[in-house]
């Protein structure tokens, strides 16, 4: 982490502060209504499994993923491998949640076990094992390090995370960790899913909900990782922060008197009291300048967020 330029963080300060404020409100509101809390956790876990697998090419829909996990039903015409991917990822989330307590510190063995769970019945020979050969990633702008360097690079990465020498806010630290783990590419397959699980293990250790990168942001996500390979972490950090705020909003909505009415940008732009057009509001949302989150392909925000923004 020593040679990384973090000056881009200045532009993300409002988004980071907004996330920290929402987490503080959430922490102060605990205990949350148990029924609503269970529903949010369940929905997030389902979305997490669906989106993470979809990014890697799994063709199960969200509804089909729900049926596989909740009813144990095989979807006709879909490969058995895709069913294992859904079941495995769900079990990996359960393992991850079982690790969390106040004294937990992220360990290499836990990353290996997450990978083992992700790849069970898919590639049992290398599930949970560091690769012993070189790999080439189609579409990436880098070649992963040789296998003899992986163990040292993982230990160095975990040391950077534990010491946090630049005193980064945890969401920023998590985005850096995710990229670096995927860059090390410790496994032959399953690096993306394992990397996103490990990133969320780090976030959840500090009391944040999981940041779920959406399937619809797949191209943006890979582009952000490629940009980070060249030393610019701004896009991957923005993507993680926006995903995290989306999850926080889901929790905020079950706090009495904290509910915000999120609407489509198109709907808000029609309001005669709103001084901005749809394109400008969309730009504000996509760049993290206002409180907004993505639902499928559409951005949602609130009228108060738009009216509270001032052009600088």
C-alpha atoms as a PDB file:
ATOM      1  CA  UNK A   1       0.000   0.000   0.000  1.00  0.00           C
ATOM      2  CA  UNK A   2       3.059   2.223   0.362  1.00  0.00           C
ATOM      3  CA  UNK A   3       3.231   3.488  -3.232  1.00  0.00           C
ATOM      4  CA  UNK A   4      -0.483   4.047  -3.843  1.00  0.00           C
ATOM      5  CA  UNK A   5      -1.830   7.528  -4.520  1.00  0.00           C
ATOM      6  CA  UNK A   6      -4.985   8.139  -2.467  1.00  0.00           C
ATOM      7  CA  UNK A   7      -5.492  11.780  -3.482  1.00  0.00           C
ATOM      8  CA  UNK A   8      -8.669  10.747  -5.345  1.00  0.00           C
ATOM      9  CA  UNK A   9     -10.315  10.277  -1.964  1.00  0.00           C
ATOM     10  CA  UNK A  10     -10.895  14.022  -1.619  1.00  0.00           C
ATOM     11  CA  UNK A  11     -13.674  13.863  -4.203  1.00  0.00           C
ATOM     12  CA  UNK A  12     -15.355  10.987  -2.387  1.00  0.00           C
ATOM     13  CA  UNK A  13     -15.427  12.645   1.026  1.00  0.00           C
ATOM     14  CA  UNK A  14     -19.168  13.573   0.864  1.00  0.00           C
ATOM     15  CA  UNK A  15     -20.149  10.011  -0.082  1.00  0.00           C
ATOM     16  CA  UNK A  16     -17.935   8.491   2.631  1.00  0.00           C
ATOM     17  CA  UNK A  17     -19.361  10.914   5.202  1.00  0.00           C
ATOM     18  CA  UNK A  18     -22.917  10.073   4.145  1.00  0.00           C
ATOM     19  CA  UNK A  19     -22.204   6.369   4.584  1.00  0.00           C
ATOM     20  CA  UNK A  20     -20.645   6.924   8.012  1.00  0.00           C
ATOM     21  CA  UNK A  21     -23.642   8.999   9.103  1.00  0.00           C
ATOM     22  CA  UNK A  22     -26.083   6.321   7.966  1.00  0.00           C
ATOM     23  CA  UNK A  23     -24.131   3.646   9.809  1.00  0.00           C
ATOM     24  CA  UNK A  24     -24.185   5.802  12.960  1.00  0.00           C
ATOM     25  CA  UNK A  25     -27.970   6.204  12.698  1.00  0.00           C
ATOM     26  CA  UNK A  26     -28.300   2.454  12.159  1.00  0.00           C
ATOM     27  CA  UNK A  27     -26.092   1.652  15.155  1.00  0.00           C
ATOM     28  CA  UNK A  28     -28.032   4.036  17.393  1.00  0.00           C
ATOM     29  CA  UNK A  29     -31.352   2.495  16.311  1.00  0.00           C
ATOM     30  CA  UNK A  30     -30.433  -1.037  17.406  1.00  0.00           C
ATOM     31  CA  UNK A  31     -32.049  -3.338  18.260  1.00  0.00           C
ATOM     32  CA  UNK A  32     -33.970  -3.203  14.993  1.00  0.00           C
ATOM     33  CA  UNK A  33     -37.392  -4.868  14.611  1.00  0.00           C
ATOM     34  CA  UNK A  34     -36.521  -8.569  14.492  1.00  0.00           C
ATOM     35  CA  UNK A  35     -38.946  -9.584  11.732  1.00  0.00           C
ATOM     36  CA  UNK A  36     -37.906  -6.764   9.423  1.00  0.00           C
ATOM     37  CA  UNK A  37     -34.230  -7.348  10.211  1.00  0.00           C
ATOM     38  CA  UNK A  38     -34.481 -11.021   9.292  1.00  0.00           C
ATOM     39  CA  UNK A  39     -36.206 -10.108   6.010  1.00  0.00           C
ATOM     40  CA  UNK A  40     -33.522  -7.587   5.017  1.00  0.00           C
ATOM     41  CA  UNK A  41     -30.698 -10.003   5.840  1.00  0.00           C
ATOM     42  CA  UNK A  42     -32.403 -12.760   3.878  1.00  0.00           C
ATOM     43  CA  UNK A  43     -33.024 -10.526   0.852  1.00  0.00           C
ATOM     44  CA  UNK A  44     -29.463  -9.208   0.860  1.00  0.00           C
ATOM     45  CA  UNK A  45     -28.003 -12.721   1.055  1.00  0.00           C
ATOM     46  CA  UNK A  46     -30.149 -13.824  -1.879  1.00  0.00           C
ATOM     47  CA  UNK A  47     -29.201 -10.776  -3.964  1.00  0.00           C
ATOM     48  CA  UNK A  48     -25.544 -11.252  -3.030  1.00  0.00           C
ATOM     49  CA  UNK A  49     -25.520 -14.860  -4.263  1.00  0.00           C
ATOM     50  CA  UNK A  50     -27.480 -14.055  -7.422  1.00  0.00           C
ATOM     51  CA  UNK A  51     -25.446 -11.008  -8.465  1.00  0.00           C
ATOM     52  CA  UNK A  52     -22.016 -12.399  -7.597  1.00  0.00           C
ATOM     53  CA  UNK A  53     -22.645 -15.590  -9.571  1.00  0.00           C
ATOM     54  CA  UNK A  54     -24.248 -13.686 -12.462  1.00  0.00           C
ATOM     55  CA  UNK A  55     -21.158 -11.494 -12.798  1.00  0.00           C
ATOM     56  CA  UNK A  56     -19.220 -14.706 -13.438  1.00  0.00           C
ATOM     57  CA  UNK A  57     -21.676 -15.943 -16.080  1.00  0.00           C
ATOM     58  CA  UNK A  58     -24.232 -17.956 -14.086  1.00  0.00           C
ATOM     59  CA  UNK A  59     -27.553 -17.859 -15.982  1.00  0.00           C
ATOM     60  CA  UNK A  60     -29.941 -18.514 -13.065  1.00  0.00           C
ATOM     61  CA  UNK A  61     -32.363 -15.622 -12.598  1.00  0.00           C
ATOM     62  CA  UNK A  62     -33.001 -14.094  -9.189  1.00  0.00           C
ATOM     63  CA  UNK A  63     -36.288 -16.010  -8.948  1.00  0.00           C
ATOM     64  CA  UNK A  64     -34.595 -19.269  -9.967  1.00  0.00           C
ATOM     65  CA  UNK A  65     -31.815 -18.705  -7.436  1.00  0.00           C
ATOM     66  CA  UNK A  66     -34.458 -18.249  -4.734  1.00  0.00           C
ATOM     67  CA  UNK A  67     -36.174 -21.530  -5.726  1.00  0.00           C
ATOM     68  CA  UNK A  68     -32.876 -23.454  -5.695  1.00  0.00           C
ATOM     69  CA  UNK A  69     -31.913 -22.139  -2.251  1.00  0.00           C
ATOM     70  CA  UNK A  70     -35.280 -22.063  -0.515  1.00  0.00           C
ATOM     71  CA  UNK A  71     -37.066 -25.048  -2.070  1.00  0.00           C
ATOM     72  CA  UNK A  72     -34.159 -27.228  -3.162  1.00  0.00           C
ATOM     73  CA  UNK A  73     -35.670 -27.572  -6.630  1.00  0.00           C
ATOM     74  CA  UNK A  74     -33.558 -28.157  -9.741  1.00  0.00           C
ATOM     75  CA  UNK A  75     -34.274 -25.743 -12.590  1.00  0.00           C
ATOM     76  CA  UNK A  76     -34.901 -27.583 -15.852  1.00  0.00           C
ATOM     77  CA  UNK A  77     -32.487 -26.804 -18.662  1.00  0.00           C
ATOM     78  CA  UNK A  78     -29.904 -25.168 -16.380  1.00  0.00           C
ATOM     79  CA  UNK A  79     -26.485 -26.843 -15.823  1.00  0.00           C
ATOM     80  CA  UNK A  80     -25.914 -28.646 -12.524  1.00  0.00           C
ATOM     81  CA  UNK A  81     -22.784 -26.525 -12.073  1.00  0.00           C
ATOM     82  CA  UNK A  82     -24.938 -23.395 -11.830  1.00  0.00           C
ATOM     83  CA  UNK A  83     -27.025 -24.989  -9.067  1.00  0.00           C
ATOM     84  CA  UNK A  84     -23.848 -25.825  -7.149  1.00  0.00           C
ATOM     85  CA  UNK A  85     -22.655 -22.232  -7.596  1.00  0.00           C
ATOM     86  CA  UNK A  86     -25.824 -20.918  -5.950  1.00  0.00           C
ATOM     87  CA  UNK A  87     -25.804 -23.469  -3.109  1.00  0.00           C
ATOM     88  CA  UNK A  88     -22.061 -23.067  -2.512  1.00  0.00           C
ATOM     89  CA  UNK A  89     -22.176 -19.279  -2.381  1.00  0.00           C
ATOM     90  CA  UNK A  90     -25.061 -19.345   0.077  1.00  0.00           C
ATOM     91  CA  UNK A  91     -23.112 -21.723   2.336  1.00  0.00           C
ATOM     92  CA  UNK A  92     -20.053 -19.470   2.056  1.00  0.00           C
ATOM     93  CA  UNK A  93     -22.148 -16.540   3.319  1.00  0.00           C
ATOM     94  CA  UNK A  94     -23.237 -18.679   6.267  1.00  0.00           C
ATOM     95  CA  UNK A  95     -19.614 -19.559   7.047  1.00  0.00           C
ATOM     96  CA  UNK A  96     -18.624 -15.901   6.784  1.00  0.00           C
ATOM     97  CA  UNK A  97     -21.370 -14.795   9.178  1.00  0.00           C
ATOM     98  CA  UNK A  98     -20.264 -17.443  11.670  1.00  0.00           C
ATOM     99  CA  UNK A  99     -16.779 -15.909  11.831  1.00  0.00           C
ATOM    100  CA  UNK A 100     -17.931 -12.477  12.903  1.00  0.00           C
ATOM    101  CA  UNK A 101     -17.346 -11.246  16.417  1.00  0.00           C
ATOM    102  CA  UNK A 102     -15.654  -8.249  18.032  1.00  0.00           C
ATOM    103  CA  UNK A 103     -12.230  -9.899  18.167  1.00  0.00           C
ATOM    104  CA  UNK A 104     -12.184 -11.361  14.655  1.00  0.00           C
ATOM    105  CA  UNK A 105      -9.244 -10.512  12.388  1.00  0.00           C
ATOM    106  CA  UNK A 106      -9.217 -11.478   8.723  1.00  0.00           C
ATOM    107  CA  UNK A 107      -6.971 -14.513   8.122  1.00  0.00           C
ATOM    108  CA  UNK A 108      -5.564 -16.219   5.052  1.00  0.00           C
ATOM    109  CA  UNK A 109      -7.059 -19.547   6.161  1.00  0.00           C
ATOM    110  CA  UNK A 110     -10.537 -17.991   6.050  1.00  0.00           C
ATOM    111  CA  UNK A 111     -10.021 -16.791   2.479  1.00  0.00           C
ATOM    112  CA  UNK A 112      -8.933 -20.306   1.527  1.00  0.00           C
ATOM    113  CA  UNK A 113     -11.973 -21.823   3.211  1.00  0.00           C
ATOM    114  CA  UNK A 114     -14.324 -19.376   1.472  1.00  0.00           C
ATOM    115  CA  UNK A 115     -12.817 -20.493  -1.817  1.00  0.00           C
ATOM    116  CA  UNK A 116     -13.190 -24.136  -0.832  1.00  0.00           C
ATOM    117  CA  UNK A 117     -16.886 -23.606  -0.200  1.00  0.00           C
ATOM    118  CA  UNK A 118     -17.361 -21.649  -3.436  1.00  0.00           C
ATOM    119  CA  UNK A 119     -15.721 -24.358  -5.569  1.00  0.00           C
ATOM    120  CA  UNK A 120     -17.095 -27.487  -3.856  1.00  0.00           C
ATOM    121  CA  UNK A 121     -18.398 -30.057  -6.396  1.00  0.00           C
ATOM    122  CA  UNK A 122     -17.173 -27.766  -9.172  1.00  0.00           C
ATOM    123  CA  UNK A 123     -13.382 -28.114  -8.939  1.00  0.00           C
ATOM    124  CA  UNK A 124     -12.658 -30.239  -5.878  1.00  0.00           C
ATOM    125  CA  UNK A 125      -9.023 -30.759  -6.884  1.00  0.00           C
ATOM    126  CA  UNK A 126      -8.183 -27.075  -6.365  1.00  0.00           C
ATOM    127  CA  UNK A 127     -10.967 -25.941  -4.027  1.00  0.00           C
ATOM    128  CA  UNK A 128      -9.326 -24.059  -1.170  1.00  0.00           C
ATOM    129  CA  UNK A 129      -5.864 -24.456  -2.654  1.00  0.00           C
ATOM    130  CA  UNK A 130      -3.539 -21.762  -3.981  1.00  0.00           C
ATOM    131  CA  UNK A 131      -2.857 -22.252  -7.677  1.00  0.00           C
ATOM    132  CA  UNK A 132       0.408 -23.949  -8.660  1.00  0.00           C
ATOM    133  CA  UNK A 133       0.634 -22.565 -12.184  1.00  0.00           C
ATOM    134  CA  UNK A 134       0.424 -19.347 -14.169  1.00  0.00           C
ATOM    135  CA  UNK A 135      -2.914 -18.004 -15.410  1.00  0.00           C
ATOM    136  CA  UNK A 136      -3.960 -15.580 -18.116  1.00  0.00           C
ATOM    137  CA  UNK A 137      -7.135 -13.499 -17.761  1.00  0.00           C
ATOM    138  CA  UNK A 138      -8.916 -12.687 -21.015  1.00  0.00           C
ATOM    139  CA  UNK A 139      -9.767  -8.985 -21.206  1.00  0.00           C
ATOM    140  CA  UNK A 140      -7.576  -7.953 -18.276  1.00  0.00           C
ATOM    141  CA  UNK A 141      -4.688  -5.522 -18.639  1.00  0.00           C
ATOM    142  CA  UNK A 142      -2.265  -7.444 -16.413  1.00  0.00           C
ATOM    143  CA  UNK A 143      -0.754 -10.867 -15.837  1.00  0.00           C
ATOM    144  CA  UNK A 144      -1.276 -12.246 -12.309  1.00  0.00           C
ATOM    145  CA  UNK A 145       1.880 -12.933 -10.295  1.00  0.00           C
ATOM    146  CA  UNK A 146       3.608 -16.296 -10.423  1.00  0.00           C
ATOM    147  CA  UNK A 147       2.427 -18.926  -7.918  1.00  0.00           C
ATOM    148  CA  UNK A 148       5.656 -18.840  -5.877  1.00  0.00           C
ATOM    149  CA  UNK A 149       4.864 -15.222  -4.884  1.00  0.00           C
ATOM    150  CA  UNK A 150       1.220 -15.692  -3.866  1.00  0.00           C
ATOM    151  CA  UNK A 151       1.674 -16.662  -0.209  1.00  0.00           C
ATOM    152  CA  UNK A 152       3.963 -13.704   0.497  1.00  0.00           C
ATOM    153  CA  UNK A 153       1.657 -11.313  -1.362  1.00  0.00           C
ATOM    154  CA  UNK A 154      -1.376 -12.527   0.622  1.00  0.00           C
ATOM    155  CA  UNK A 155       0.469 -12.107   3.916  1.00  0.00           C
ATOM    156  CA  UNK A 156       1.606  -8.623   2.882  1.00  0.00           C
ATOM    157  CA  UNK A 157      -1.951  -7.685   1.898  1.00  0.00           C
ATOM    158  CA  UNK A 158      -3.402  -8.861   5.208  1.00  0.00           C
ATOM    159  CA  UNK A 159      -0.689  -6.964   7.070  1.00  0.00           C
ATOM    160  CA  UNK A 160      -1.627  -3.808   5.149  1.00  0.00           C
ATOM    161  CA  UNK A 161      -5.284  -4.343   6.038  1.00  0.00           C
ATOM    162  CA  UNK A 162      -4.636  -4.989   9.722  1.00  0.00           C
ATOM    163  CA  UNK A 163      -2.303  -2.022  10.196  1.00  0.00           C
ATOM    164  CA  UNK A 164      -4.212   0.383   7.888  1.00  0.00           C
ATOM    165  CA  UNK A 165      -1.192   2.657   7.872  1.00  0.00           C
ATOM    166  CA  UNK A 166      -2.970   5.390   5.881  1.00  0.00           C
ATOM    167  CA  UNK A 167      -5.904   5.368   8.303  1.00  0.00           C
ATOM    168  CA  UNK A 168      -8.377   4.828   5.469  1.00  0.00           C
ATOM    169  CA  UNK A 169     -12.094   4.702   6.152  1.00  0.00           C
ATOM    170  CA  UNK A 170     -13.145   1.059   6.247  1.00  0.00           C
ATOM    171  CA  UNK A 171     -15.236   1.138   3.019  1.00  0.00           C
ATOM    172  CA  UNK A 172     -12.247   2.559   1.103  1.00  0.00           C
ATOM    173  CA  UNK A 173      -9.927   0.023   2.731  1.00  0.00           C
ATOM    174  CA  UNK A 174     -12.324  -2.755   1.709  1.00  0.00           C
ATOM    175  CA  UNK A 175     -12.353  -1.626  -1.931  1.00  0.00           C
ATOM    176  CA  UNK A 176      -8.546  -1.549  -1.970  1.00  0.00           C
ATOM    177  CA  UNK A 177      -8.439  -5.011  -0.384  1.00  0.00           C
ATOM    178  CA  UNK A 178     -10.866  -6.419  -2.938  1.00  0.00           C
ATOM    179  CA  UNK A 179      -8.880  -5.185  -5.905  1.00  0.00           C
ATOM    180  CA  UNK A 180      -5.576  -6.334  -4.468  1.00  0.00           C
ATOM    181  CA  UNK A 181      -6.895  -9.831  -3.722  1.00  0.00           C
ATOM    182  CA  UNK A 182      -8.303 -10.192  -7.241  1.00  0.00           C
ATOM    183  CA  UNK A 183      -5.002  -8.869  -8.655  1.00  0.00           C
ATOM    184  CA  UNK A 184      -3.018 -11.493  -6.715  1.00  0.00           C
ATOM    185  CA  UNK A 185      -5.456 -13.996  -8.222  1.00  0.00           C
ATOM    186  CA  UNK A 186      -4.548 -16.769  -5.783  1.00  0.00           C
ATOM    187  CA  UNK A 187      -6.744 -19.442  -7.384  1.00  0.00           C
ATOM    188  CA  UNK A 188      -7.225 -20.942 -10.826  1.00  0.00           C
ATOM    189  CA  UNK A 189     -10.953 -20.155 -10.695  1.00  0.00           C
ATOM    190  CA  UNK A 190     -13.411 -18.525  -8.291  1.00  0.00           C
ATOM    191  CA  UNK A 191     -11.268 -15.462  -7.532  1.00  0.00           C
ATOM    192  CA  UNK A 192     -14.065 -12.949  -8.146  1.00  0.00           C
ATOM    193  CA  UNK A 193     -16.667 -14.621  -5.944  1.00  0.00           C
ATOM    194  CA  UNK A 194     -14.106 -15.322  -3.216  1.00  0.00           C
ATOM    195  CA  UNK A 195     -12.789 -11.757  -3.458  1.00  0.00           C
ATOM    196  CA  UNK A 196     -16.250 -10.242  -3.049  1.00  0.00           C
ATOM    197  CA  UNK A 197     -17.005 -12.553  -0.113  1.00  0.00           C
ATOM    198  CA  UNK A 198     -13.718 -11.644   1.586  1.00  0.00           C
ATOM    199  CA  UNK A 199     -14.300  -7.925   0.988  1.00  0.00           C
ATOM    200  CA  UNK A 200     -17.694  -8.184   2.653  1.00  0.00           C
ATOM    201  CA  UNK A 201     -16.228 -10.198   5.511  1.00  0.00           C
ATOM    202  CA  UNK A 202     -13.990  -7.192   6.144  1.00  0.00           C
ATOM    203  CA  UNK A 203     -16.881  -4.728   5.903  1.00  0.00           C
ATOM    204  CA  UNK A 204     -19.158  -6.805   8.143  1.00  0.00           C
ATOM    205  CA  UNK A 205     -16.414  -7.211  10.747  1.00  0.00           C
ATOM    206  CA  UNK A 206     -16.702  -3.445  11.262  1.00  0.00           C
ATOM    207  CA  UNK A 207     -20.492  -3.459  11.421  1.00  0.00           C
ATOM    208  CA  UNK A 208     -21.293  -2.539   7.809  1.00  0.00           C
ATOM    209  CA  UNK A 209     -23.720  -4.530   5.668  1.00  0.00           C
ATOM    210  CA  UNK A 210     -22.378  -6.310   2.581  1.00  0.00           C
ATOM    211  CA  UNK A 211     -21.644  -4.252  -0.539  1.00  0.00           C
ATOM    212  CA  UNK A 212     -23.313  -6.083  -3.413  1.00  0.00           C
ATOM    213  CA  UNK A 213     -21.904  -5.359  -6.868  1.00  0.00           C
ATOM    214  CA  UNK A 214     -24.848  -5.704  -9.242  1.00  0.00           C
ATOM    215  CA  UNK A 215     -24.908  -7.927 -12.320  1.00  0.00           C
ATOM    216  CA  UNK A 216     -25.936  -4.883 -14.388  1.00  0.00           C
ATOM    217  CA  UNK A 217     -22.678  -3.185 -13.363  1.00  0.00           C
ATOM    218  CA  UNK A 218     -20.541  -6.094 -14.590  1.00  0.00           C
ATOM    219  CA  UNK A 219     -18.834  -4.153 -17.397  1.00  0.00           C
ATOM    220  CA  UNK A 220     -18.315  -1.126 -15.166  1.00  0.00           C
ATOM    221  CA  UNK A 221     -16.903  -3.398 -12.448  1.00  0.00           C
ATOM    222  CA  UNK A 222     -14.331  -5.055 -14.711  1.00  0.00           C
ATOM    223  CA  UNK A 223     -13.378  -1.668 -16.141  1.00  0.00           C
ATOM    224  CA  UNK A 224     -12.883  -0.330 -12.611  1.00  0.00           C
ATOM    225  CA  UNK A 225     -10.633  -3.275 -11.721  1.00  0.00           C
ATOM    226  CA  UNK A 226      -8.564  -2.715 -14.869  1.00  0.00           C
ATOM    227  CA  UNK A 227      -8.216   0.966 -13.980  1.00  0.00           C
ATOM    228  CA  UNK A 228      -7.085   0.024 -10.474  1.00  0.00           C
ATOM    229  CA  UNK A 229      -4.450  -2.255 -12.019  1.00  0.00           C
ATOM    230  CA  UNK A 230      -2.888   0.967 -13.324  1.00  0.00           C
ATOM    231  CA  UNK A 231      -2.963   2.609  -9.887  1.00  0.00           C
ATOM    232  CA  UNK A 232      -6.247   4.526 -10.075  1.00  0.00           C
ATOM    233  CA  UNK A 233      -8.648   3.210  -7.425  1.00  0.00           C
ATOM    234  CA  UNK A 234     -11.301   5.884  -7.872  1.00  0.00           C
ATOM    235  CA  UNK A 235     -13.790   3.834  -9.919  1.00  0.00           C
ATOM    236  CA  UNK A 236     -13.614   0.633  -7.870  1.00  0.00           C
ATOM    237  CA  UNK A 237     -13.930   2.651  -4.655  1.00  0.00           C
ATOM    238  CA  UNK A 238     -16.954   4.524  -6.024  1.00  0.00           C
ATOM    239  CA  UNK A 239     -18.608   1.271  -7.097  1.00  0.00           C
ATOM    240  CA  UNK A 240     -18.080  -0.335  -3.684  1.00  0.00           C
ATOM    241  CA  UNK A 241     -19.239   2.775  -1.823  1.00  0.00           C
ATOM    242  CA  UNK A 242     -22.416   3.020  -3.902  1.00  0.00           C
ATOM    243  CA  UNK A 243     -23.121  -0.689  -3.404  1.00  0.00           C
ATOM    244  CA  UNK A 244     -22.623  -0.258   0.328  1.00  0.00           C
ATOM    245  CA  UNK A 245     -24.947   2.739   0.495  1.00  0.00           C
ATOM    246  CA  UNK A 246     -27.627   0.723  -1.314  1.00  0.00           C
ATOM    247  CA  UNK A 247     -27.448  -1.952   1.399  1.00  0.00           C
ATOM    248  CA  UNK A 248     -27.446   0.664   4.156  1.00  0.00           C
ATOM    249  CA  UNK A 249     -30.586   2.194   2.657  1.00  0.00           C
ATOM    250  CA  UNK A 250     -32.334  -1.166   2.905  1.00  0.00           C
ATOM    251  CA  UNK A 251     -31.586  -1.226   6.630  1.00  0.00           C
ATOM    252  CA  UNK A 252     -32.463   2.447   7.083  1.00  0.00           C
ATOM    253  CA  UNK A 253     -35.919   1.787   5.672  1.00  0.00           C
ATOM    254  CA  UNK A 254     -36.834  -0.479   8.607  1.00  0.00           C
ATOM    255  CA  UNK A 255     -35.919   2.132  11.233  1.00  0.00           C
ATOM    256  CA  UNK A 256     -39.057   3.878  12.512  1.00  0.00           C
ATOM    257  CA  UNK A 257     -39.218   7.514  11.325  1.00  0.00           C
ATOM    258  CA  UNK A 258     -36.069   7.186   9.179  1.00  0.00           C
ATOM    259  CA  UNK A 259     -37.801   6.049   6.002  1.00  0.00           C
ATOM    260  CA  UNK A 260     -36.964   8.008   2.854  1.00  0.00           C
ATOM    261  CA  UNK A 261     -39.149   7.972  -0.265  1.00  0.00           C
ATOM    262  CA  UNK A 262     -36.868   6.894  -3.095  1.00  0.00           C
ATOM    263  CA  UNK A 263     -38.194   7.503  -6.597  1.00  0.00           C
ATOM    264  CA  UNK A 264     -36.906   7.146 -10.126  1.00  0.00           C
ATOM    265  CA  UNK A 265     -34.871  10.054 -11.444  1.00  0.00           C
ATOM    266  CA  UNK A 266     -37.363  10.479 -14.282  1.00  0.00           C
ATOM    267  CA  UNK A 267     -40.196  10.931 -11.788  1.00  0.00           C
ATOM    268  CA  UNK A 268     -38.298  13.410  -9.622  1.00  0.00           C
ATOM    269  CA  UNK A 269     -37.205  15.485 -12.620  1.00  0.00           C
ATOM    270  CA  UNK A 270     -40.888  16.068 -13.481  1.00  0.00           C
ATOM    271  CA  UNK A 271     -41.500  17.891 -10.199  1.00  0.00           C
ATOM    272  CA  UNK A 272     -41.760  21.652 -10.892  1.00  0.00           C
ATOM    273  CA  UNK A 273     -39.897  22.357  -7.622  1.00  0.00           C
ATOM    274  CA  UNK A 274     -36.822  20.456  -8.788  1.00  0.00           C
ATOM    275  CA  UNK A 275     -34.440  22.872 -10.578  1.00  0.00           C
ATOM    276  CA  UNK A 276     -32.412  20.185 -12.418  1.00  0.00           C
ATOM    277  CA  UNK A 277     -33.064  18.067 -15.477  1.00  0.00           C
ATOM    278  CA  UNK A 278     -32.964  14.287 -15.622  1.00  0.00           C
ATOM    279  CA  UNK A 279     -29.481  14.086 -17.169  1.00  0.00           C
ATOM    280  CA  UNK A 280     -27.905  16.254 -14.478  1.00  0.00           C
ATOM    281  CA  UNK A 281     -29.613  14.368 -11.643  1.00  0.00           C
ATOM    282  CA  UNK A 282     -28.442  11.103 -13.221  1.00  0.00           C
ATOM    283  CA  UNK A 283     -24.877  12.441 -13.296  1.00  0.00           C
ATOM    284  CA  UNK A 284     -25.102  13.375  -9.610  1.00  0.00           C
ATOM    285  CA  UNK A 285     -26.331   9.871  -8.773  1.00  0.00           C
ATOM    286  CA  UNK A 286     -23.742   8.031 -10.855  1.00  0.00           C
ATOM    287  CA  UNK A 287     -20.873  10.030  -9.364  1.00  0.00           C
ATOM    288  CA  UNK A 288     -22.020   9.643  -5.762  1.00  0.00           C
ATOM    289  CA  UNK A 289     -22.754  13.352  -5.283  1.00  0.00           C
ATOM    290  CA  UNK A 290     -26.266  12.713  -3.949  1.00  0.00           C
ATOM    291  CA  UNK A 291     -27.934   9.971  -1.943  1.00  0.00           C
ATOM    292  CA  UNK A 292     -28.949   7.469  -4.634  1.00  0.00           C
ATOM    293  CA  UNK A 293     -28.822   3.778  -5.374  1.00  0.00           C
ATOM    294  CA  UNK A 294     -29.288   1.498  -8.336  1.00  0.00           C
ATOM    295  CA  UNK A 295     -32.259  -0.841  -8.661  1.00  0.00           C
ATOM    296  CA  UNK A 296     -31.673  -3.069 -11.669  1.00  0.00           C
ATOM    297  CA  UNK A 297     -30.740  -0.620 -14.411  1.00  0.00           C
ATOM    298  CA  UNK A 298     -32.476   2.392 -12.853  1.00  0.00           C
ATOM    299  CA  UNK A 299     -31.160   4.945 -10.396  1.00  0.00           C
ATOM    300  CA  UNK A 300     -33.403   5.929  -7.493  1.00  0.00           C
ATOM    301  CA  UNK A 301     -32.974   8.973  -5.286  1.00  0.00           C
ATOM    302  CA  UNK A 302     -35.030  11.265  -3.068  1.00  0.00           C
ATOM    303  CA  UNK A 303     -36.440  14.703  -3.688  1.00  0.00           C
ATOM    304  CA  UNK A 304     -34.734  15.990  -0.543  1.00  0.00           C
ATOM    305  CA  UNK A 305     -31.341  14.726  -1.789  1.00  0.00           C
ATOM    306  CA  UNK A 306     -31.755  16.532  -5.108  1.00  0.00           C
ATOM    307  CA  UNK A 307     -33.067  19.753  -3.560  1.00  0.00           C
ATOM    308  CA  UNK A 308     -30.246  19.680  -0.990  1.00  0.00           C
ATOM    309  CA  UNK A 309     -27.594  19.647  -3.698  1.00  0.00           C
ATOM    310  CA  UNK A 310     -26.026  22.919  -4.735  1.00  0.00           C
ATOM    311  CA  UNK A 311     -24.029  23.442  -7.923  1.00  0.00           C
ATOM    312  CA  UNK A 312     -20.412  24.292  -7.140  1.00  0.00           C
END
